[in-house]
Amino acid sequence: MLDARYRTTVWNRTEAKAREVLDRGAVWAPSSAGAVAASDVTLIWPVRNPSATDPPPSTSVSDEVASVT
């Protein structure tokens, strides 16, 4: 997406882990909801790690997006 010069907004729980794509021109979103709200198309890359089994937060991403749109 970046190579094709599409505006690409990214979010990760740790901004430093997104540094490679930020250095290539991606725009940082302060939250997952912010990334979704900034985009016409949303791609999610699920990663299997211990936090993926944590209980869901008290609000969903869709609730967060609704609050910023």
PDB file of N, CA and C in Angstrom:
ATOM      1  N   MET A   1       0.825  -1.172   0.000  1.00  0.00           N
ATOM      2  CA  MET A   1       0.000   0.000   0.000  1.00  0.00           C
ATOM      3  C   MET A   1       0.884   1.257   0.000  1.00  0.00           C
ATOM      4  N   LEU A   2       1.896   1.250   0.830  1.00  0.00           N
ATOM      5  CA  LEU A   2       2.800   2.403   0.857  1.00  0.00           C
ATOM      6  C   LEU A   2       3.545   2.544  -0.463  1.00  0.00           C
ATOM      7  N   ASP A   3       3.989   1.419  -1.016  1.00  0.00           N
ATOM      8  CA  ASP A   3       4.708   1.472  -2.296  1.00  0.00           C
ATOM      9  C   ASP A   3       3.830   2.031  -3.405  1.00  0.00           C
ATOM     10  N   ALA A   4       2.526   1.778  -3.325  1.00  0.00           N
ATOM     11  CA  ALA A   4       1.587   2.290  -4.324  1.00  0.00           C
ATOM     12  C   ALA A   4       1.123   3.711  -3.992  1.00  0.00           C
ATOM     13  N   ARG A   5       1.672   4.268  -2.918  1.00  0.00           N
ATOM     14  CA  ARG A   5       1.408   5.647  -2.488  1.00  0.00           C
ATOM     15  C   ARG A   5      -0.015   5.878  -1.979  1.00  0.00           C
ATOM     16  N   TYR A   6      -0.621   4.828  -1.443  1.00  0.00           N
ATOM     17  CA  TYR A   6      -1.908   5.006  -0.769  1.00  0.00           C
ATOM     18  C   TYR A   6      -1.640   5.565   0.619  1.00  0.00           C
ATOM     19  N   ARG A   7      -2.458   6.509   1.037  1.00  0.00           N
ATOM     20  CA  ARG A   7      -2.350   6.985   2.420  1.00  0.00           C
ATOM     21  C   ARG A   7      -2.665   5.792   3.313  1.00  0.00           C
ATOM     22  N   THR A   8      -1.763   5.481   4.203  1.00  0.00           N
ATOM     23  CA  THR A   8      -1.896   4.306   5.043  1.00  0.00           C
ATOM     24  C   THR A   8      -1.780   4.725   6.501  1.00  0.00           C
ATOM     25  N   THR A   9      -2.831   4.479   7.256  1.00  0.00           N
ATOM     26  CA  THR A   9      -2.851   4.800   8.675  1.00  0.00           C
ATOM     27  C   THR A   9      -2.684   3.501   9.445  1.00  0.00           C
ATOM     28  N   VAL A  10      -1.804   3.512  10.431  1.00  0.00           N
ATOM     29  CA  VAL A  10      -1.521   2.289  11.179  1.00  0.00           C
ATOM     30  C   VAL A  10      -1.682   2.519  12.672  1.00  0.00           C
ATOM     31  N   TRP A  11      -1.955   1.420  13.372  1.00  0.00           N
ATOM     32  CA  TRP A  11      -2.000   1.431  14.823  1.00  0.00           C
ATOM     33  C   TRP A  11      -1.467   0.101  15.318  1.00  0.00           C
ATOM     34  N   ASN A  12      -0.762   0.151  16.399  1.00  0.00           N
ATOM     35  CA  ASN A  12      -0.296  -1.025  17.115  1.00  0.00           C
ATOM     36  C   ASN A  12      -0.277  -0.626  18.576  1.00  0.00           C
ATOM     37  N   ARG A  13      -0.422  -1.572  19.465  1.00  0.00           N
ATOM     38  CA  ARG A  13      -0.382  -1.219  20.890  1.00  0.00           C
ATOM     39  C   ARG A  13       0.926  -0.525  21.252  1.00  0.00           C
ATOM     40  N   THR A  14       1.994  -0.846  20.548  1.00  0.00           N
ATOM     41  CA  THR A  14       3.299  -0.242  20.787  1.00  0.00           C
ATOM     42  C   THR A  14       3.738   0.493  19.523  1.00  0.00           C
ATOM     43  N   GLU A  15       3.800   1.814  19.587  1.00  0.00           N
ATOM     44  CA  GLU A  15       4.147   2.610  18.405  1.00  0.00           C
ATOM     45  C   GLU A  15       5.504   2.214  17.839  1.00  0.00           C
ATOM     46  N   ALA A  16       6.441   1.872  18.700  1.00  0.00           N
ATOM     47  CA  ALA A  16       7.782   1.510  18.238  1.00  0.00           C
ATOM     48  C   ALA A  16       7.759   0.315  17.284  1.00  0.00           C
ATOM     49  N   LYS A  17       6.797  -0.587  17.470  1.00  0.00           N
ATOM     50  CA  LYS A  17       6.712  -1.754  16.591  1.00  0.00           C
ATOM     51  C   LYS A  17       6.203  -1.392  15.201  1.00  0.00           C
ATOM     52  N   ALA A  18       5.648  -0.201  15.058  1.00  0.00           N
ATOM     53  CA  ALA A  18       5.186   0.275  13.754  1.00  0.00           C
ATOM     54  C   ALA A  18       6.227   1.174  13.092  1.00  0.00           C
ATOM     55  N   ARG A  19       7.373   1.366  13.742  1.00  0.00           N
ATOM     56  CA  ARG A  19       8.373   2.324  13.275  1.00  0.00           C
ATOM     57  C   ARG A  19       8.779   2.103  11.829  1.00  0.00           C
ATOM     58  N   GLU A  20       8.951   0.861  11.411  1.00  0.00           N
ATOM     59  CA  GLU A  20       9.395   0.592  10.037  1.00  0.00           C
ATOM     60  C   GLU A  20       8.433   1.191   9.009  1.00  0.00           C
ATOM     61  N   VAL A  21       7.135   0.973   9.191  1.00  0.00           N
ATOM     62  CA  VAL A  21       6.184   1.523   8.217  1.00  0.00           C
ATOM     63  C   VAL A  21       5.984   3.024   8.417  1.00  0.00           C
ATOM     64  N   LEU A  22       6.117   3.510   9.635  1.00  0.00           N
ATOM     65  CA  LEU A  22       6.031   4.958   9.863  1.00  0.00           C
ATOM     66  C   LEU A  22       7.172   5.667   9.151  1.00  0.00           C
ATOM     67  N   ASP A  23       8.356   5.073   9.216  1.00  0.00           N
ATOM     68  CA  ASP A  23       9.508   5.657   8.529  1.00  0.00           C
ATOM     69  C   ASP A  23       9.339   5.642   7.011  1.00  0.00           C
ATOM     70  N   ARG A  24       8.494   4.764   6.524  1.00  0.00           N
ATOM     71  CA  ARG A  24       8.239   4.690   5.074  1.00  0.00           C
ATOM     72  C   ARG A  24       7.067   5.568   4.644  1.00  0.00           C
ATOM     73  N   GLY A  25       6.426   6.261   5.597  1.00  0.00           N
ATOM     74  CA  GLY A  25       5.382   7.204   5.216  1.00  0.00           C
ATOM     75  C   GLY A  25       3.998   6.933   5.773  1.00  0.00           C
ATOM     76  N   ALA A  26       3.824   5.857   6.524  1.00  0.00           N
ATOM     77  CA  ALA A  26       2.519   5.603   7.129  1.00  0.00           C
ATOM     78  C   ALA A  26       2.225   6.669   8.178  1.00  0.00           C
ATOM     79  N   VAL A  27       0.951   6.854   8.469  1.00  0.00           N
ATOM     80  CA  VAL A  27       0.502   7.829   9.458  1.00  0.00           C
ATOM     81  C   VAL A  27       0.096   7.066  10.716  1.00  0.00           C
ATOM     82  N   TRP A  28       0.554   7.515  11.868  1.00  0.00           N
ATOM     83  CA  TRP A  28       0.249   6.854  13.136  1.00  0.00           C
ATOM     84  C   TRP A  28      -1.129   7.274  13.637  1.00  0.00           C
ATOM     85  N   ALA A  29      -1.927   6.309  14.073  1.00  0.00           N
ATOM     86  CA  ALA A  29      -3.201   6.582  14.734  1.00  0.00           C
ATOM     87  C   ALA A  29      -3.024   6.295  16.222  1.00  0.00           C
ATOM     88  N   PRO A  30      -3.562   7.130  17.082  1.00  0.00           N
ATOM     89  CA  PRO A  30      -3.375   6.940  18.519  1.00  0.00           C
ATOM     90  C   PRO A  30      -4.176   5.773  19.100  1.00  0.00           C
ATOM     91  N   SER A  31      -5.117   5.234  18.318  1.00  0.00           N
ATOM     92  CA  SER A  31      -5.927   4.107  18.793  1.00  0.00           C
ATOM     93  C   SER A  31      -6.395   3.299  17.592  1.00  0.00           C
ATOM     94  N   SER A  32      -6.869   2.090  17.854  1.00  0.00           N
ATOM     95  CA  SER A  32      -7.414   1.291  16.760  1.00  0.00           C
ATOM     96  C   SER A  32      -8.634   1.976  16.162  1.00  0.00           C
ATOM     97  N   ALA A  33      -9.429   2.598  17.011  1.00  0.00           N
ATOM     98  CA  ALA A  33     -10.603   3.326  16.516  1.00  0.00           C
ATOM     99  C   ALA A  33     -10.186   4.481  15.622  1.00  0.00           C
ATOM    100  N   GLY A  34      -9.115   5.162  15.981  1.00  0.00           N
ATOM    101  CA  GLY A  34      -8.616   6.259  15.156  1.00  0.00           C
ATOM    102  C   GLY A  34      -8.151   5.784  13.797  1.00  0.00           C
ATOM    103  N   ALA A  35      -7.527   4.606  13.762  1.00  0.00           N
ATOM    104  CA  ALA A  35      -7.081   4.045  12.480  1.00  0.00           C
ATOM    105  C   ALA A  35      -8.274   3.706  11.598  1.00  0.00           C
ATOM    106  N   VAL A  36      -9.295   3.110  12.182  1.00  0.00           N
ATOM    107  CA  VAL A  36     -10.493   2.762  11.414  1.00  0.00           C
ATOM    108  C   VAL A  36     -11.205   4.019  10.934  1.00  0.00           C
ATOM    109  N   ALA A  37     -11.336   5.004  11.800  1.00  0.00           N
ATOM    110  CA  ALA A  37     -12.035   6.237  11.445  1.00  0.00           C
ATOM    111  C   ALA A  37     -11.309   7.013  10.344  1.00  0.00           C
ATOM    112  N   ALA A  38      -9.990   6.861  10.252  1.00  0.00           N
ATOM    113  CA  ALA A  38      -9.205   7.602   9.260  1.00  0.00           C
ATOM    114  C   ALA A  38      -9.198   6.930   7.892  1.00  0.00           C
ATOM    115  N   SER A  39      -9.865   5.816   7.761  1.00  0.00           N
ATOM    116  CA  SER A  39      -9.705   4.996   6.563  1.00  0.00           C
ATOM    117  C   SER A  39     -11.021   4.632   5.912  1.00  0.00           C
ATOM    118  N   ASP A  40     -10.993   4.534   4.585  1.00  0.00           N
ATOM    119  CA  ASP A  40     -12.143   4.021   3.841  1.00  0.00           C
ATOM    120  C   ASP A  40     -12.156   2.500   3.869  1.00  0.00           C
ATOM    121  N   VAL A  41     -10.973   1.908   3.950  1.00  0.00           N
ATOM    122  CA  VAL A  41     -10.815   0.453   3.982  1.00  0.00           C
ATOM    123  C   VAL A  41      -9.952   0.106   5.180  1.00  0.00           C
ATOM    124  N   THR A  42     -10.345  -0.921   5.915  1.00  0.00           N
ATOM    125  CA  THR A  42      -9.579  -1.333   7.088  1.00  0.00           C
ATOM    126  C   THR A  42      -9.105  -2.762   6.904  1.00  0.00           C
ATOM    127  N   LEU A  43      -7.808  -2.956   7.069  1.00  0.00           N
ATOM    128  CA  LEU A  43      -7.212  -4.289   7.038  1.00  0.00           C
ATOM    129  C   LEU A  43      -6.735  -4.603   8.444  1.00  0.00           C
ATOM    130  N   ILE A  44      -7.036  -5.797   8.909  1.00  0.00           N
ATOM    131  CA  ILE A  44      -6.631  -6.211  10.246  1.00  0.00           C
ATOM    132  C   ILE A  44      -5.699  -7.398  10.107  1.00  0.00           C
ATOM    133  N   TRP A  45      -4.571  -7.318  10.772  1.00  0.00           N
ATOM    134  CA  TRP A  45      -3.598  -8.401  10.736  1.00  0.00           C
ATOM    135  C   TRP A  45      -3.578  -9.025  12.124  1.00  0.00           C
ATOM    136  N   PRO A  46      -4.356 -10.086  12.335  1.00  0.00           N
ATOM    137  CA  PRO A  46      -4.367 -10.710  13.662  1.00  0.00           C
ATOM    138  C   PRO A  46      -3.060 -11.463  13.901  1.00  0.00           C
ATOM    139  N   VAL A  47      -2.537 -11.325  15.077  1.00  0.00           N
ATOM    140  CA  VAL A  47      -1.296 -11.988  15.446  1.00  0.00           C
ATOM    141  C   VAL A  47      -1.590 -12.879  16.648  1.00  0.00           C
ATOM    142  N   ARG A  48      -1.076 -14.048  16.589  1.00  0.00           N
ATOM    143  CA  ARG A  48      -1.290 -14.966  17.691  1.00  0.00           C
ATOM    144  C   ARG A  48      -0.222 -14.716  18.757  1.00  0.00           C
ATOM    145  N   ASN A  49      -0.672 -14.241  19.885  1.00  0.00           N
ATOM    146  CA  ASN A  49       0.222 -14.028  21.020  1.00  0.00           C
ATOM    147  C   ASN A  49      -0.598 -14.125  22.295  1.00  0.00           C
ATOM    148  N   PRO A  50       0.046 -14.141  23.441  1.00  0.00           N
ATOM    149  CA  PRO A  50      -0.711 -14.301  24.687  1.00  0.00           C
ATOM    150  C   PRO A  50      -1.809 -13.261  24.875  1.00  0.00           C
ATOM    151  N   SER A  51      -1.583 -12.032  24.426  1.00  0.00           N
ATOM    152  CA  SER A  51      -2.607 -11.004  24.620  1.00  0.00           C
ATOM    153  C   SER A  51      -3.859 -11.278  23.799  1.00  0.00           C
ATOM    154  N   ALA A  52      -3.740 -12.105  22.766  1.00  0.00           N
ATOM    155  CA  ALA A  52      -4.906 -12.432  21.947  1.00  0.00           C
ATOM    156  C   ALA A  52      -5.921 -13.263  22.723  1.00  0.00           C
ATOM    157  N   THR A  53      -5.492 -13.846  23.824  1.00  0.00           N
ATOM    158  CA  THR A  53      -6.421 -14.648  24.630  1.00  0.00           C
ATOM    159  C   THR A  53      -6.936 -13.871  25.835  1.00  0.00           C
ATOM    160  N   ASP A  54      -6.491 -12.623  25.992  1.00  0.00           N
ATOM    161  CA  ASP A  54      -6.983 -11.796  27.090  1.00  0.00           C
ATOM    162  C   ASP A  54      -8.473 -11.549  26.905  1.00  0.00           C
ATOM    163  N   PRO A  55      -9.195 -11.316  27.992  1.00  0.00           N
ATOM    164  CA  PRO A  55     -10.621 -10.987  27.845  1.00  0.00           C
ATOM    165  C   PRO A  55     -10.774  -9.709  27.018  1.00  0.00           C
ATOM    166  N   PRO A  56     -11.856  -9.582  26.280  1.00  0.00           N
ATOM    167  CA  PRO A  56     -12.052  -8.365  25.476  1.00  0.00           C
ATOM    168  C   PRO A  56     -12.198  -7.144  26.377  1.00  0.00           C
ATOM    169  N   PRO A  57     -11.826  -5.977  25.848  1.00  0.00           N
ATOM    170  CA  PRO A  57     -11.987  -4.752  26.647  1.00  0.00           C
ATOM    171  C   PRO A  57     -13.461  -4.462  26.875  1.00  0.00           C
ATOM    172  N   SER A  58     -13.723  -3.552  27.786  1.00  0.00           N
ATOM    173  CA  SER A  58     -15.110  -3.240  28.125  1.00  0.00           C
ATOM    174  C   SER A  58     -15.845  -2.548  26.976  1.00  0.00           C
ATOM    175  N   THR A  59     -15.110  -1.907  26.062  1.00  0.00           N
ATOM    176  CA  THR A  59     -15.729  -1.314  24.884  1.00  0.00           C
ATOM    177  C   THR A  59     -15.133  -1.961  23.644  1.00  0.00           C
ATOM    178  N   SER A  60     -15.925  -2.061  22.618  1.00  0.00           N
ATOM    179  CA  SER A  60     -15.437  -2.655  21.380  1.00  0.00           C
ATOM    180  C   SER A  60     -14.870  -1.576  20.472  1.00  0.00           C
ATOM    181  N   VAL A  61     -14.122  -1.995  19.474  1.00  0.00           N
ATOM    182  CA  VAL A  61     -13.592  -1.046  18.505  1.00  0.00           C
ATOM    183  C   VAL A  61     -14.731  -0.319  17.825  1.00  0.00           C
ATOM    184  N   SER A  62     -15.827  -1.034  17.509  1.00  0.00           N
ATOM    185  CA  SER A  62     -16.950  -0.356  16.849  1.00  0.00           C
ATOM    186  C   SER A  62     -17.556   0.717  17.746  1.00  0.00           C
ATOM    187  N   ASP A  63     -17.585   0.480  19.073  1.00  0.00           N
ATOM    188  CA  ASP A  63     -18.064   1.513  19.989  1.00  0.00           C
ATOM    189  C   ASP A  63     -17.135   2.723  19.971  1.00  0.00           C
ATOM    190  N   GLU A  64     -15.807   2.459  19.943  1.00  0.00           N
ATOM    191  CA  GLU A  64     -14.839   3.546  19.910  1.00  0.00           C
ATOM    192  C   GLU A  64     -14.957   4.339  18.620  1.00  0.00           C
ATOM    193  N   VAL A  65     -15.127   3.644  17.496  1.00  0.00           N
ATOM    194  CA  VAL A  65     -15.250   4.321  16.201  1.00  0.00           C
ATOM    195  C   VAL A  65     -16.493   5.189  16.193  1.00  0.00           C
ATOM    196  N   ALA A  66     -17.590   4.674  16.712  1.00  0.00           N
ATOM    197  CA  ALA A  66     -18.827   5.442  16.752  1.00  0.00           C
ATOM    198  C   ALA A  66     -18.658   6.733  17.539  1.00  0.00           C
ATOM    199  N   SER A  67     -17.767   6.705  18.537  1.00  0.00           N
ATOM    200  CA  SER A  67     -17.587   7.897  19.359  1.00  0.00           C
ATOM    201  C   SER A  67     -16.748   8.968  18.676  1.00  0.00           C
ATOM    202  N   VAL A  68     -15.987   8.605  17.618  1.00  0.00           N
ATOM    203  CA  VAL A  68     -15.158   9.594  16.935  1.00  0.00           C
ATOM    204  C   VAL A  68     -15.674   9.956  15.554  1.00  0.00           C
ATOM    205  N   THR A  69     -16.723   9.299  15.092  1.00  0.00           N
ATOM    206  CA  THR A  69     -17.255   9.612  13.761  1.00  0.00           C
ATOM    207  C   THR A  69     -18.546  10.384  13.858  1.00  0.00           C
TER     208      THR A  69
END
